[in-house]
Protein backbone atom coordinates (compact mmCIF):
# COMPACT_ATOMS: atom_id res chain seq x y z
CA MET A 1 100.18 -52.79 27.58
CA ILE A 2 101.16 -55.11 30.43
CA GLU A 3 98.90 -57.94 31.51
CA VAL A 4 99.20 -58.47 35.26
CA ALA A 5 98.51 -62.21 35.11
CA ALA A 6 101.25 -62.69 32.52
CA ASP A 7 103.92 -60.59 34.29
CA HIS A 8 105.91 -62.50 36.91
CA GLU A 9 106.72 -59.25 38.73
CA LEU A 10 103.05 -58.32 39.14
CA ARG A 11 101.31 -61.66 39.42
CA GLY A 12 100.13 -62.27 42.97
CA ARG A 13 100.39 -58.65 44.07
CA SER A 14 97.48 -56.95 45.80
CA ASP A 15 95.30 -54.45 43.95
CA ALA A 16 96.84 -51.65 46.03
CA GLU A 17 100.35 -52.77 45.06
CA ILE A 18 99.36 -52.87 41.40
CA CYS A 19 97.94 -49.35 41.71
CA ALA A 20 101.17 -48.10 43.26
CA TRP A 21 103.24 -49.84 40.59
CA ALA A 22 101.14 -48.34 37.78
CA ALA A 23 101.13 -44.85 39.33
CA ALA A 24 104.91 -44.88 39.69
CA ARG A 25 105.19 -45.56 35.95
CA ASP A 26 102.38 -43.19 34.91
CA HIS A 27 100.35 -46.14 33.60
CA ARG A 28 96.59 -46.46 33.50
CA ILE A 29 94.86 -49.59 34.79
CA VAL A 30 92.37 -51.20 32.43
CA THR A 31 90.06 -53.43 34.45
CA GLU A 32 86.56 -54.76 34.85
CA ASN A 33 87.24 -55.16 38.58
CA ILE A 34 85.34 -52.00 39.43
CA LYS A 35 84.33 -53.03 42.96
CA ASP A 36 87.96 -53.34 44.09
CA PHE A 37 89.76 -50.63 42.10
CA ARG A 38 87.25 -47.76 42.35
CA PRO A 39 87.47 -47.63 46.19
CA LEU A 40 91.28 -47.50 45.93
CA LEU A 41 90.93 -44.49 43.63
CA VAL A 42 88.49 -42.78 46.01
CA VAL A 43 90.77 -43.28 49.03
CA ALA A 44 93.92 -42.18 47.17
CA THR A 45 92.17 -39.07 45.85
CA ALA A 46 90.84 -38.16 49.32
CA ARG A 47 94.35 -38.49 50.78
CA GLY A 48 95.94 -36.57 47.92
CA ASP A 49 98.03 -39.61 46.96
CA THR A 50 99.17 -40.26 43.42
CA MET A 51 96.95 -42.85 41.81
CA ALA A 52 97.03 -44.61 38.49
CA GLY A 53 94.11 -43.67 36.28
CA LEU A 54 91.39 -46.27 35.78
CA LEU A 55 89.92 -47.25 32.46
CA LEU A 56 86.94 -49.42 33.36
CA VAL A 57 85.66 -52.25 31.18
CA HIS A 58 81.97 -53.02 31.51
CA PRO A 59 81.60 -56.84 31.65
CA ARG A 60 78.32 -56.79 29.70
CA ARG A 61 79.77 -54.70 26.90
CA HIS A 62 82.91 -56.85 26.71
CA PRO A 63 81.86 -60.33 27.94
CA ARG A 64 84.60 -62.73 29.00
CA GLY A 65 85.78 -65.46 26.75
CA GLY A 66 87.70 -66.02 23.59
CA ALA A 67 89.95 -64.01 21.37
CA GLN A 68 87.04 -61.84 20.27
CA ARG A 69 86.97 -60.15 23.67
CA ALA A 70 90.67 -59.28 23.59
CA ALA A 71 90.33 -57.93 20.05
CA ALA A 72 87.25 -55.88 20.98
CA ILE A 73 88.97 -54.39 24.05
CA ALA A 74 92.10 -53.60 22.01
CA GLU A 75 89.96 -51.85 19.37
CA ALA A 76 88.03 -49.89 22.01
CA LEU A 77 91.28 -48.93 23.73
CA ASP A 78 92.74 -47.73 20.42
CA GLY A 79 89.63 -45.60 19.89
CA TRP A 80 89.83 -44.17 23.41
CA LEU A 81 93.48 -43.25 22.92
CA ARG A 82 92.70 -41.49 19.64
CA VAL A 83 89.79 -39.47 21.02
CA SER A 84 91.05 -38.58 24.46
CA ALA A 85 93.76 -35.91 24.58
CA VAL A 86 96.30 -36.82 27.26
CA GLY A 87 95.77 -33.66 29.32
CA LEU A 88 91.98 -34.01 29.22
CA ARG A 89 91.69 -37.64 30.27
CA PRO A 90 89.80 -38.06 33.54
CA ILE A 91 91.35 -40.12 36.31
CA GLU A 92 88.46 -42.58 35.85
CA ASP A 93 86.85 -43.34 32.52
CA TRP A 94 84.90 -46.13 30.82
CA LEU A 95 86.07 -48.05 27.80
CA ALA A 96 83.32 -47.89 25.16
């Protein structure tokens, strides 16, 4: 997993650039920034462009702050990876 804020190559890039970067590497974007990333997915899908899949984090389910949040997201991500077969994963999904 790559954290955008911690990666000097990605830090400061626009959401669209991050989407293109992730799509080129067949990565999925894990984000709570639903209002910015979901429209990018809709536009890319309408155009037939390749788009990185989104795994959305609900801010109420995983509130910001502390190491507990990171651990909870990592645990939820591990569970999602175990349950979701690669070929059956939707382009947009929610992290439980």
